[in-house]
């Protein structure tokens, strides 16, 4: 597992902003596991981390998640343009607290992100086609403690465990009240972390 300092260093090395000033000025960072390469694993082998200060003291959390779509949407091709997979990068003000599919509060995409589009159904992530837009690339939960991704993600970042997601959302709602309901989402790869 990674430390806050390791993640901060990796984010800054990419030239991205890392928020250090103010209460609950939240860094929301997805970390894609580089080890499988482009193979669809269908397991929650990535991480989602948040870091922010309270009374000048860093708070840090990291949880099991996925930044990749599951096997089922990849096998089905999802839609005519191909299944989405977020491109690593920093997306300023890309998310806010809103309803995921109209059902429950999550971090909902509100501004453009870049995604790879994969339509060939070969169980390897294709990174040759990139589109940019608002596609519903939300940050939400799977089941109580899910084993397989499958339809839990069609390109979203998804928590493996509901209990972890609940803690995440408590902090997001607090941050939204103190800092405004706008979150920058940063996605890096584990190989970027030293």
N, C-alpha and C. Protein backbone atom coordinates (compact mmCIF):
# COMPACT_ATOMS: atom_id res chain seq x y z
N UNK A 1 0.86 -1.19 0.00
CA UNK A 1 0.00 0.00 0.00
C UNK A 1 0.90 1.24 0.00
N UNK A 2 0.36 2.30 -0.52
CA UNK A 2 1.15 3.52 -0.69
C UNK A 2 0.88 4.52 0.43
N UNK A 3 1.87 5.39 0.67
CA UNK A 3 1.72 6.44 1.67
C UNK A 3 1.23 7.72 1.00
N UNK A 4 0.74 8.63 1.81
CA UNK A 4 0.33 9.93 1.28
C UNK A 4 1.50 10.64 0.62
N UNK A 5 2.66 10.55 1.24
CA UNK A 5 3.84 11.23 0.72
C UNK A 5 4.26 10.68 -0.64
N UNK A 6 4.18 9.36 -0.80
CA UNK A 6 4.51 8.75 -2.10
C UNK A 6 3.55 9.23 -3.19
N UNK A 7 2.27 9.29 -2.86
CA UNK A 7 1.27 9.72 -3.83
C UNK A 7 1.45 11.20 -4.16
N UNK A 8 1.68 12.01 -3.15
CA UNK A 8 1.93 13.44 -3.37
C UNK A 8 3.11 13.63 -4.32
N UNK A 9 4.21 12.92 -4.08
CA UNK A 9 5.41 13.05 -4.91
C UNK A 9 5.11 12.64 -6.35
N UNK A 10 4.35 11.57 -6.54
CA UNK A 10 4.02 11.10 -7.89
C UNK A 10 3.14 12.11 -8.63
N UNK A 11 2.18 12.68 -7.92
CA UNK A 11 1.29 13.67 -8.52
C UNK A 11 2.08 14.91 -8.94
N UNK A 12 2.93 15.38 -8.06
CA UNK A 12 3.74 16.58 -8.36
C UNK A 12 4.74 16.31 -9.48
N UNK A 13 5.29 15.09 -9.52
CA UNK A 13 6.25 14.74 -10.58
C UNK A 13 5.61 14.78 -11.96
N UNK A 14 4.29 14.57 -12.01
CA UNK A 14 3.55 14.65 -13.27
C UNK A 14 3.22 16.11 -13.64
N UNK A 15 3.53 17.03 -12.72
CA UNK A 15 3.21 18.43 -12.97
C UNK A 15 1.78 18.79 -12.61
N UNK A 16 1.10 17.91 -11.88
CA UNK A 16 -0.28 18.15 -11.48
C UNK A 16 -0.33 18.93 -10.17
N UNK A 17 -1.46 19.54 -9.91
CA UNK A 17 -1.67 20.25 -8.64
C UNK A 17 -1.94 19.23 -7.53
N UNK A 18 -1.38 19.54 -6.37
CA UNK A 18 -1.67 18.77 -5.16
C UNK A 18 -2.09 19.80 -4.13
N UNK A 19 -3.34 19.71 -3.67
CA UNK A 19 -3.93 20.76 -2.85
C UNK A 19 -3.46 20.64 -1.40
N UNK A 20 -2.85 21.71 -0.91
CA UNK A 20 -2.24 21.68 0.42
C UNK A 20 -2.78 22.75 1.38
N UNK A 21 -3.54 23.70 0.86
CA UNK A 21 -3.99 24.82 1.70
C UNK A 21 -5.48 24.72 2.00
N UNK A 22 -5.83 25.05 3.25
CA UNK A 22 -7.24 25.10 3.63
C UNK A 22 -7.76 23.78 4.19
N UNK A 23 -8.86 23.91 4.92
CA UNK A 23 -9.51 22.74 5.52
C UNK A 23 -10.28 21.96 4.45
N UNK A 24 -10.11 20.67 4.43
CA UNK A 24 -10.86 19.79 3.53
C UNK A 24 -10.68 20.16 2.05
N UNK A 25 -9.52 20.72 1.69
CA UNK A 25 -9.21 20.96 0.28
C UNK A 25 -8.71 19.63 -0.27
N UNK A 26 -9.62 18.85 -0.78
CA UNK A 26 -9.42 17.41 -0.96
C UNK A 26 -8.71 17.04 -2.27
N UNK A 27 -7.70 16.18 -2.13
CA UNK A 27 -7.06 15.52 -3.26
C UNK A 27 -7.73 14.17 -3.44
N UNK A 28 -8.40 13.98 -4.58
CA UNK A 28 -9.05 12.71 -4.91
C UNK A 28 -8.22 12.07 -6.02
N UNK A 29 -7.57 10.95 -5.69
CA UNK A 29 -6.58 10.37 -6.59
C UNK A 29 -6.84 8.88 -6.80
N UNK A 30 -7.06 8.52 -8.05
CA UNK A 30 -7.18 7.13 -8.43
C UNK A 30 -5.81 6.62 -8.85
N UNK A 31 -5.48 5.41 -8.42
CA UNK A 31 -4.19 4.80 -8.75
C UNK A 31 -4.47 3.50 -9.50
N UNK A 32 -4.12 3.48 -10.77
CA UNK A 32 -4.32 2.28 -11.58
C UNK A 32 -3.13 1.34 -11.41
N UNK A 33 -3.41 0.09 -11.12
CA UNK A 33 -2.37 -0.93 -10.98
C UNK A 33 -1.74 -1.17 -12.35
N UNK A 34 -0.46 -0.86 -12.48
CA UNK A 34 0.23 -1.01 -13.76
C UNK A 34 0.62 -2.46 -14.06
N UNK A 35 0.64 -3.32 -13.04
CA UNK A 35 1.16 -4.69 -13.20
C UNK A 35 0.47 -5.52 -14.27
N UNK A 36 -0.87 -5.49 -14.37
CA UNK A 36 -1.51 -6.34 -15.40
C UNK A 36 -1.35 -5.81 -16.83
N UNK A 37 -0.78 -4.63 -16.98
CA UNK A 37 -0.67 -4.05 -18.31
C UNK A 37 -2.05 -3.73 -18.85
N UNK A 38 -2.35 -4.20 -20.05
CA UNK A 38 -3.63 -3.89 -20.69
C UNK A 38 -4.64 -5.04 -20.58
N UNK A 39 -4.29 -6.06 -19.82
CA UNK A 39 -5.18 -7.22 -19.67
C UNK A 39 -6.35 -6.88 -18.74
N UNK A 40 -7.55 -7.29 -19.12
CA UNK A 40 -8.74 -7.10 -18.29
C UNK A 40 -8.69 -8.13 -17.16
N UNK A 41 -8.54 -7.67 -15.92
CA UNK A 41 -8.45 -8.59 -14.78
C UNK A 41 -9.80 -8.86 -14.14
N UNK A 42 -10.73 -7.89 -14.24
CA UNK A 42 -12.08 -8.01 -13.66
C UNK A 42 -12.06 -8.06 -12.13
N UNK A 43 -10.96 -7.64 -11.51
CA UNK A 43 -10.89 -7.58 -10.04
C UNK A 43 -10.53 -6.17 -9.59
N UNK A 44 -10.81 -5.90 -8.34
CA UNK A 44 -10.58 -4.57 -7.77
C UNK A 44 -9.12 -4.44 -7.35
N UNK A 45 -8.24 -4.28 -8.34
CA UNK A 45 -6.80 -4.27 -8.07
C UNK A 45 -6.19 -2.87 -8.22
N UNK A 46 -7.03 -1.83 -8.19
CA UNK A 46 -6.57 -0.44 -8.17
C UNK A 46 -6.90 0.15 -6.80
N UNK A 47 -6.66 1.46 -6.66
CA UNK A 47 -6.91 2.13 -5.39
C UNK A 47 -7.50 3.51 -5.62
N UNK A 48 -8.23 3.98 -4.63
CA UNK A 48 -8.71 5.36 -4.62
C UNK A 48 -8.24 5.95 -3.30
N UNK A 49 -7.58 7.11 -3.38
CA UNK A 49 -7.09 7.75 -2.16
C UNK A 49 -7.61 9.16 -2.06
N UNK A 50 -7.75 9.63 -0.84
CA UNK A 50 -8.03 11.04 -0.58
C UNK A 50 -7.05 11.54 0.47
N UNK A 51 -6.70 12.80 0.36
CA UNK A 51 -5.88 13.44 1.38
C UNK A 51 -6.30 14.90 1.48
N UNK A 52 -6.30 15.41 2.70
CA UNK A 52 -6.73 16.78 2.98
C UNK A 52 -6.29 17.12 4.40
N UNK A 53 -6.34 18.39 4.73
CA UNK A 53 -5.93 18.82 6.07
C UNK A 53 -7.12 19.19 6.93
N UNK A 54 -7.01 18.86 8.22
CA UNK A 54 -7.93 19.34 9.26
C UNK A 54 -7.05 19.97 10.34
N UNK A 55 -7.29 21.24 10.62
CA UNK A 55 -6.47 21.98 11.59
C UNK A 55 -4.98 21.85 11.28
N UNK A 56 -4.66 21.88 10.00
CA UNK A 56 -3.27 21.84 9.57
C UNK A 56 -2.62 20.47 9.58
N UNK A 57 -3.39 19.44 9.93
CA UNK A 57 -2.84 18.08 10.02
C UNK A 57 -3.38 17.24 8.87
N UNK A 58 -2.48 16.57 8.15
CA UNK A 58 -2.90 15.75 7.02
C UNK A 58 -3.77 14.58 7.46
N UNK A 59 -4.82 14.35 6.70
CA UNK A 59 -5.67 13.16 6.82
C UNK A 59 -5.49 12.38 5.52
N UNK A 60 -5.40 11.07 5.62
CA UNK A 60 -5.14 10.27 4.43
C UNK A 60 -5.87 8.94 4.51
N UNK A 61 -6.52 8.59 3.40
CA UNK A 61 -7.23 7.33 3.29
C UNK A 61 -6.91 6.72 1.93
N UNK A 62 -6.80 5.40 1.88
CA UNK A 62 -6.63 4.70 0.61
C UNK A 62 -7.42 3.40 0.67
N UNK A 63 -8.18 3.13 -0.41
CA UNK A 63 -9.09 1.99 -0.42
C UNK A 63 -8.96 1.19 -1.71
N UNK A 64 -9.35 -0.09 -1.65
CA UNK A 64 -9.40 -0.93 -2.84
C UNK A 64 -10.54 -0.45 -3.75
N UNK A 65 -10.23 -0.37 -5.04
CA UNK A 65 -11.20 0.13 -6.01
C UNK A 65 -10.80 -0.37 -7.39
N UNK A 66 -11.52 0.09 -8.40
CA UNK A 66 -11.10 -0.11 -9.78
C UNK A 66 -11.23 1.20 -10.54
N UNK A 67 -10.29 1.45 -11.42
CA UNK A 67 -10.39 2.57 -12.35
C UNK A 67 -10.70 2.03 -13.75
N UNK A 68 -10.94 0.73 -13.83
CA UNK A 68 -11.13 0.05 -15.11
C UNK A 68 -12.54 -0.52 -15.22
N UNK A 69 -13.06 -0.64 -16.44
CA UNK A 69 -14.33 -1.33 -16.62
C UNK A 69 -14.18 -2.84 -16.42
N UNK A 70 -15.29 -3.48 -16.12
CA UNK A 70 -15.27 -4.92 -15.87
C UNK A 70 -15.31 -5.76 -17.13
N UNK A 71 -15.22 -7.06 -16.92
CA UNK A 71 -15.17 -8.02 -18.02
C UNK A 71 -16.47 -8.01 -18.84
N UNK A 72 -17.61 -7.93 -18.17
CA UNK A 72 -18.89 -8.02 -18.88
C UNK A 72 -19.06 -6.89 -19.91
N UNK A 73 -18.89 -5.61 -19.53
CA UNK A 73 -19.03 -4.57 -20.56
C UNK A 73 -17.95 -4.64 -21.64
N UNK A 74 -16.75 -5.10 -21.26
CA UNK A 74 -15.69 -5.24 -22.27
C UNK A 74 -16.05 -6.33 -23.29
N UNK A 75 -16.66 -7.43 -22.83
CA UNK A 75 -17.05 -8.52 -23.72
C UNK A 75 -18.23 -8.13 -24.61
N UNK A 76 -19.09 -7.25 -24.07
CA UNK A 76 -20.29 -6.85 -24.81
C UNK A 76 -20.03 -5.68 -25.75
N UNK A 77 -18.92 -4.98 -25.56
CA UNK A 77 -18.64 -3.81 -26.39
C UNK A 77 -19.35 -2.56 -25.95
N UNK A 78 -20.24 -2.68 -24.96
CA UNK A 78 -20.92 -1.57 -24.29
C UNK A 78 -21.80 -0.72 -25.19
N UNK A 79 -21.20 0.02 -26.10
CA UNK A 79 -21.99 0.81 -27.05
C UNK A 79 -21.20 0.93 -28.35
N UNK A 80 -21.73 1.66 -29.29
CA UNK A 80 -21.12 1.74 -30.61
C UNK A 80 -19.72 2.30 -30.62
N UNK A 81 -19.39 3.16 -29.65
CA UNK A 81 -18.07 3.79 -29.64
C UNK A 81 -17.05 2.99 -28.85
N UNK A 82 -17.49 2.01 -28.09
CA UNK A 82 -16.58 1.21 -27.29
C UNK A 82 -16.67 1.54 -25.81
N UNK A 83 -16.28 0.59 -24.99
CA UNK A 83 -16.31 0.75 -23.54
C UNK A 83 -15.29 1.81 -23.11
N UNK A 84 -15.69 2.65 -22.15
CA UNK A 84 -14.83 3.74 -21.67
C UNK A 84 -13.87 3.26 -20.60
N UNK A 85 -12.68 3.86 -20.59
CA UNK A 85 -11.67 3.64 -19.54
C UNK A 85 -10.93 4.96 -19.37
N UNK A 86 -10.98 5.55 -18.20
CA UNK A 86 -10.43 6.89 -18.00
C UNK A 86 -8.93 6.92 -18.30
N UNK A 87 -8.51 7.95 -19.00
CA UNK A 87 -7.10 8.16 -19.33
C UNK A 87 -6.43 8.79 -18.11
N UNK A 88 -5.29 8.27 -17.65
CA UNK A 88 -4.59 8.93 -16.55
C UNK A 88 -4.36 10.41 -16.85
N UNK A 89 -4.57 11.23 -15.84
CA UNK A 89 -4.42 12.68 -15.99
C UNK A 89 -5.08 13.38 -14.82
N UNK A 90 -5.07 14.69 -14.87
CA UNK A 90 -5.74 15.49 -13.84
C UNK A 90 -6.88 16.25 -14.49
N UNK A 91 -8.05 16.16 -13.87
CA UNK A 91 -9.27 16.73 -14.44
C UNK A 91 -9.86 17.74 -13.46
N UNK A 92 -9.46 19.03 -13.60
CA UNK A 92 -9.90 20.06 -12.66
C UNK A 92 -11.42 20.23 -12.64
N UNK A 93 -11.97 20.22 -11.44
CA UNK A 93 -13.41 20.46 -11.26
C UNK A 93 -14.29 19.49 -12.02
N UNK A 94 -13.82 18.26 -12.20
CA UNK A 94 -14.55 17.30 -13.04
C UNK A 94 -15.73 16.63 -12.35
N UNK A 95 -15.76 16.66 -11.04
CA UNK A 95 -16.78 15.92 -10.30
C UNK A 95 -17.44 16.77 -9.21
N UNK A 96 -18.63 16.37 -8.81
CA UNK A 96 -19.33 17.00 -7.70
C UNK A 96 -20.20 15.95 -7.01
N UNK A 97 -20.64 16.27 -5.81
CA UNK A 97 -21.55 15.37 -5.11
C UNK A 97 -22.90 15.45 -5.82
N UNK A 98 -23.36 14.32 -6.32
CA UNK A 98 -24.63 14.24 -7.05
C UNK A 98 -25.11 12.80 -7.04
N UNK A 99 -26.21 12.55 -7.70
CA UNK A 99 -26.79 11.21 -7.69
C UNK A 99 -26.20 10.34 -8.80
N UNK A 100 -25.72 9.17 -8.42
CA UNK A 100 -25.24 8.18 -9.39
C UNK A 100 -26.46 7.45 -9.95
N UNK A 101 -26.68 7.60 -11.25
CA UNK A 101 -27.83 6.99 -11.94
C UNK A 101 -29.15 7.32 -11.25
N UNK A 102 -29.19 8.50 -10.58
CA UNK A 102 -30.41 8.94 -9.91
C UNK A 102 -30.75 8.17 -8.65
N UNK A 103 -29.81 7.36 -8.15
CA UNK A 103 -30.12 6.43 -7.05
C UNK A 103 -29.55 6.84 -5.69
N UNK A 104 -28.28 7.22 -5.63
CA UNK A 104 -27.66 7.54 -4.35
C UNK A 104 -26.52 8.53 -4.59
N UNK A 105 -26.13 9.22 -3.52
CA UNK A 105 -25.07 10.23 -3.66
C UNK A 105 -23.72 9.57 -3.89
N UNK A 106 -23.00 10.12 -4.85
CA UNK A 106 -21.66 9.66 -5.21
C UNK A 106 -20.93 10.89 -5.74
N UNK A 107 -19.70 10.73 -6.20
CA UNK A 107 -19.06 11.81 -6.94
C UNK A 107 -19.41 11.61 -8.40
N UNK A 108 -20.15 12.57 -8.92
CA UNK A 108 -20.70 12.49 -10.27
C UNK A 108 -19.91 13.39 -11.22
N UNK A 109 -19.61 12.86 -12.39
CA UNK A 109 -18.88 13.65 -13.38
C UNK A 109 -19.72 14.84 -13.83
N UNK A 110 -19.08 16.04 -13.87
CA UNK A 110 -19.78 17.24 -14.33
C UNK A 110 -19.00 18.02 -15.38
N UNK A 111 -17.76 17.66 -15.61
CA UNK A 111 -16.93 18.33 -16.62
C UNK A 111 -16.14 17.27 -17.37
N UNK A 112 -15.56 17.66 -18.48
CA UNK A 112 -14.90 16.71 -19.37
C UNK A 112 -13.79 15.90 -18.72
N UNK A 113 -13.74 14.64 -19.09
CA UNK A 113 -12.57 13.79 -18.85
C UNK A 113 -12.25 13.10 -20.17
N UNK A 114 -11.03 12.61 -20.28
CA UNK A 114 -10.63 11.83 -21.46
C UNK A 114 -10.77 10.35 -21.14
N UNK A 115 -11.29 9.60 -22.11
CA UNK A 115 -11.41 8.16 -21.94
C UNK A 115 -10.87 7.45 -23.18
N UNK A 116 -10.27 6.28 -22.94
CA UNK A 116 -9.98 5.37 -24.04
C UNK A 116 -11.31 4.72 -24.42
N UNK A 117 -11.47 4.40 -25.70
CA UNK A 117 -12.66 3.69 -26.17
C UNK A 117 -12.24 2.36 -26.77
N UNK A 118 -12.80 1.28 -26.24
CA UNK A 118 -12.40 -0.07 -26.64
C UNK A 118 -13.63 -0.83 -27.12
N UNK A 119 -13.65 -1.18 -28.39
CA UNK A 119 -14.81 -1.87 -28.96
C UNK A 119 -14.49 -3.25 -29.51
N UNK A 120 -13.24 -3.73 -29.38
CA UNK A 120 -12.89 -4.97 -30.09
C UNK A 120 -13.11 -6.26 -29.28
N UNK A 121 -13.49 -6.15 -28.02
CA UNK A 121 -13.92 -7.29 -27.20
C UNK A 121 -12.86 -8.37 -27.01
N UNK A 122 -11.57 -8.00 -27.09
CA UNK A 122 -10.51 -9.03 -27.01
C UNK A 122 -9.95 -9.21 -25.60
N UNK A 123 -10.56 -8.59 -24.61
CA UNK A 123 -10.17 -8.69 -23.19
C UNK A 123 -8.80 -8.07 -22.91
N UNK A 124 -8.39 -7.18 -23.78
CA UNK A 124 -7.23 -6.33 -23.54
C UNK A 124 -7.67 -4.88 -23.77
N UNK A 125 -7.27 -4.00 -22.87
CA UNK A 125 -7.67 -2.60 -23.00
C UNK A 125 -6.94 -1.96 -24.17
N UNK A 126 -7.71 -1.38 -25.06
CA UNK A 126 -7.19 -0.70 -26.24
C UNK A 126 -7.00 0.78 -25.89
N UNK A 127 -5.81 1.31 -26.13
CA UNK A 127 -5.52 2.70 -25.79
C UNK A 127 -5.25 3.54 -27.04
N UNK A 128 -5.75 3.08 -28.18
CA UNK A 128 -5.47 3.80 -29.43
C UNK A 128 -6.49 4.89 -29.74
N UNK A 129 -7.71 4.77 -29.19
CA UNK A 129 -8.76 5.75 -29.47
C UNK A 129 -9.14 6.47 -28.18
N UNK A 130 -9.04 7.81 -28.20
CA UNK A 130 -9.38 8.63 -27.04
C UNK A 130 -10.47 9.62 -27.42
N UNK A 131 -11.49 9.72 -26.58
CA UNK A 131 -12.51 10.75 -26.74
C UNK A 131 -12.57 11.57 -25.46
N UNK A 132 -13.17 12.72 -25.52
CA UNK A 132 -13.27 13.61 -24.36
C UNK A 132 -14.69 14.13 -24.25
N UNK A 133 -15.23 14.11 -23.02
CA UNK A 133 -16.58 14.59 -22.82
C UNK A 133 -17.10 14.23 -21.44
N UNK A 134 -18.40 14.43 -21.25
CA UNK A 134 -19.08 14.06 -20.01
C UNK A 134 -19.86 12.78 -20.31
N UNK A 135 -19.42 11.68 -19.73
CA UNK A 135 -19.96 10.37 -20.05
C UNK A 135 -20.56 9.64 -18.85
N UNK A 136 -20.65 10.30 -17.71
CA UNK A 136 -21.10 9.60 -16.51
C UNK A 136 -20.00 8.76 -15.90
N UNK A 137 -18.75 9.25 -15.99
CA UNK A 137 -17.61 8.56 -15.39
C UNK A 137 -17.58 8.95 -13.90
N UNK A 138 -18.43 8.30 -13.13
CA UNK A 138 -18.63 8.65 -11.73
C UNK A 138 -17.68 7.87 -10.82
N UNK A 139 -17.67 8.27 -9.55
CA UNK A 139 -16.94 7.53 -8.51
C UNK A 139 -18.00 7.02 -7.55
N UNK A 140 -18.23 5.70 -7.55
CA UNK A 140 -19.36 5.15 -6.80
C UNK A 140 -18.97 3.81 -6.17
N UNK A 141 -19.96 3.09 -5.67
CA UNK A 141 -19.71 1.85 -4.93
C UNK A 141 -20.16 0.63 -5.71
N UNK A 142 -19.58 -0.51 -5.35
CA UNK A 142 -20.06 -1.81 -5.83
C UNK A 142 -20.93 -2.39 -4.72
N UNK A 143 -20.79 -3.69 -4.43
CA UNK A 143 -21.59 -4.33 -3.39
C UNK A 143 -20.92 -4.20 -2.02
N UNK A 144 -21.42 -4.96 -1.06
CA UNK A 144 -20.89 -4.88 0.31
C UNK A 144 -19.39 -5.13 0.33
N UNK A 145 -18.94 -6.16 -0.37
CA UNK A 145 -17.52 -6.47 -0.52
C UNK A 145 -17.40 -7.31 -1.79
N UNK A 146 -17.32 -6.64 -2.92
CA UNK A 146 -17.42 -7.31 -4.21
C UNK A 146 -16.11 -7.99 -4.60
N UNK A 147 -16.21 -9.13 -5.26
CA UNK A 147 -15.06 -9.86 -5.76
C UNK A 147 -14.76 -9.48 -7.21
N UNK A 148 -15.81 -9.44 -8.04
CA UNK A 148 -15.65 -9.19 -9.47
C UNK A 148 -16.23 -7.84 -9.85
N UNK A 149 -15.63 -7.21 -10.84
CA UNK A 149 -16.11 -5.90 -11.30
C UNK A 149 -17.34 -6.07 -12.20
N UNK A 150 -17.22 -6.84 -13.27
CA UNK A 150 -18.28 -7.04 -14.25
C UNK A 150 -19.05 -5.74 -14.52
N UNK A 151 -20.37 -5.73 -14.27
CA UNK A 151 -21.17 -4.53 -14.63
C UNK A 151 -21.09 -3.41 -13.59
N UNK A 152 -20.33 -3.61 -12.51
CA UNK A 152 -20.20 -2.50 -11.56
C UNK A 152 -19.51 -1.30 -12.21
N UNK A 153 -18.65 -1.55 -13.19
CA UNK A 153 -17.98 -0.44 -13.87
C UNK A 153 -18.02 -0.59 -15.38
N UNK A 154 -18.55 0.45 -16.01
CA UNK A 154 -18.48 0.61 -17.46
C UNK A 154 -17.53 1.76 -17.78
N UNK A 155 -16.60 2.01 -16.87
CA UNK A 155 -15.65 3.11 -17.04
C UNK A 155 -15.52 3.97 -15.80
N UNK A 156 -16.40 3.76 -14.84
CA UNK A 156 -16.35 4.53 -13.59
C UNK A 156 -15.21 4.05 -12.69
N UNK A 157 -14.90 4.85 -11.68
CA UNK A 157 -14.05 4.39 -10.59
C UNK A 157 -14.99 3.87 -9.51
N UNK A 158 -14.79 2.63 -9.09
CA UNK A 158 -15.76 1.97 -8.22
C UNK A 158 -15.06 1.36 -7.00
N UNK A 159 -15.62 1.64 -5.83
CA UNK A 159 -15.13 1.07 -4.58
C UNK A 159 -15.50 -0.40 -4.47
N UNK A 160 -14.57 -1.21 -3.99
CA UNK A 160 -14.83 -2.63 -3.75
C UNK A 160 -15.82 -2.83 -2.60
N UNK A 161 -15.71 -1.99 -1.55
CA UNK A 161 -16.52 -2.17 -0.34
C UNK A 161 -17.40 -0.96 -0.06
N UNK A 162 -18.65 -1.24 0.28
CA UNK A 162 -19.60 -0.18 0.61
C UNK A 162 -19.12 0.63 1.81
N UNK A 163 -18.58 -0.03 2.83
CA UNK A 163 -18.18 0.69 4.05
C UNK A 163 -17.09 1.72 3.75
N UNK A 164 -16.19 1.41 2.82
CA UNK A 164 -15.14 2.36 2.44
C UNK A 164 -15.75 3.54 1.68
N UNK A 165 -16.66 3.24 0.77
CA UNK A 165 -17.34 4.28 0.01
C UNK A 165 -18.10 5.23 0.95
N UNK A 166 -18.73 4.67 1.97
CA UNK A 166 -19.49 5.51 2.91
C UNK A 166 -18.58 6.51 3.63
N UNK A 167 -17.39 6.08 4.03
CA UNK A 167 -16.43 6.99 4.66
C UNK A 167 -15.99 8.06 3.66
N UNK A 168 -15.70 7.64 2.45
CA UNK A 168 -15.32 8.56 1.38
C UNK A 168 -16.38 9.65 1.20
N UNK A 169 -17.63 9.26 1.12
CA UNK A 169 -18.70 10.23 0.87
C UNK A 169 -18.92 11.17 2.06
N UNK A 170 -18.72 10.68 3.27
CA UNK A 170 -18.82 11.57 4.44
C UNK A 170 -17.82 12.71 4.29
N UNK A 171 -16.60 12.39 3.89
CA UNK A 171 -15.57 13.41 3.73
C UNK A 171 -15.86 14.30 2.52
N UNK A 172 -16.36 13.73 1.44
CA UNK A 172 -16.69 14.52 0.26
C UNK A 172 -17.79 15.54 0.57
N UNK A 173 -18.80 15.12 1.32
CA UNK A 173 -19.90 16.04 1.64
C UNK A 173 -19.42 17.17 2.55
N UNK A 174 -18.54 16.85 3.47
CA UNK A 174 -17.95 17.88 4.34
C UNK A 174 -17.11 18.84 3.50
N UNK A 175 -16.30 18.30 2.59
CA UNK A 175 -15.47 19.13 1.72
C UNK A 175 -16.32 20.03 0.83
N UNK A 176 -17.44 19.49 0.33
CA UNK A 176 -18.33 20.27 -0.53
C UNK A 176 -18.89 21.48 0.21
N UNK A 177 -19.19 21.31 1.49
CA UNK A 177 -19.72 22.43 2.28
C UNK A 177 -18.66 23.49 2.55
N UNK A 178 -17.43 23.05 2.78
CA UNK A 178 -16.36 23.98 3.15
C UNK A 178 -15.63 24.58 1.95
N UNK A 179 -15.50 23.82 0.89
CA UNK A 179 -14.68 24.23 -0.25
C UNK A 179 -15.47 24.46 -1.54
N UNK A 180 -16.76 24.13 -1.50
CA UNK A 180 -17.57 24.20 -2.71
C UNK A 180 -17.70 22.82 -3.33
N UNK A 181 -18.82 22.59 -3.98
CA UNK A 181 -19.12 21.25 -4.50
C UNK A 181 -18.47 21.05 -5.87
N UNK A 182 -17.15 21.01 -5.86
CA UNK A 182 -16.38 20.79 -7.08
C UNK A 182 -15.08 20.09 -6.70
N UNK A 183 -14.82 18.95 -7.32
CA UNK A 183 -13.67 18.12 -6.99
C UNK A 183 -12.84 17.86 -8.23
N UNK A 184 -11.53 18.00 -8.08
CA UNK A 184 -10.60 17.62 -9.14
C UNK A 184 -10.25 16.15 -8.96
N UNK A 185 -10.38 15.38 -10.04
CA UNK A 185 -10.03 13.97 -9.99
C UNK A 185 -8.72 13.77 -10.75
N UNK A 186 -7.76 13.14 -10.08
CA UNK A 186 -6.46 12.84 -10.66
C UNK A 186 -6.28 11.34 -10.73
N UNK A 187 -5.86 10.84 -11.89
CA UNK A 187 -5.61 9.42 -12.05
C UNK A 187 -4.15 9.23 -12.46
N UNK A 188 -3.43 8.43 -11.68
CA UNK A 188 -2.04 8.10 -11.97
C UNK A 188 -1.92 6.58 -12.05
N UNK A 189 -0.76 6.11 -12.44
CA UNK A 189 -0.51 4.67 -12.48
C UNK A 189 0.46 4.29 -11.36
N UNK A 190 0.34 3.05 -10.90
CA UNK A 190 1.20 2.62 -9.80
C UNK A 190 2.67 2.71 -10.17
N UNK A 191 2.99 2.55 -11.45
CA UNK A 191 4.40 2.65 -11.87
C UNK A 191 4.95 4.07 -11.72
N UNK A 192 4.05 5.05 -11.54
CA UNK A 192 4.48 6.44 -11.33
C UNK A 192 4.93 6.68 -9.89
N UNK A 193 4.62 5.74 -9.00
CA UNK A 193 4.89 5.91 -7.57
C UNK A 193 6.21 5.25 -7.21
N UNK A 194 7.09 6.02 -6.59
CA UNK A 194 8.41 5.51 -6.20
C UNK A 194 8.40 5.11 -4.73
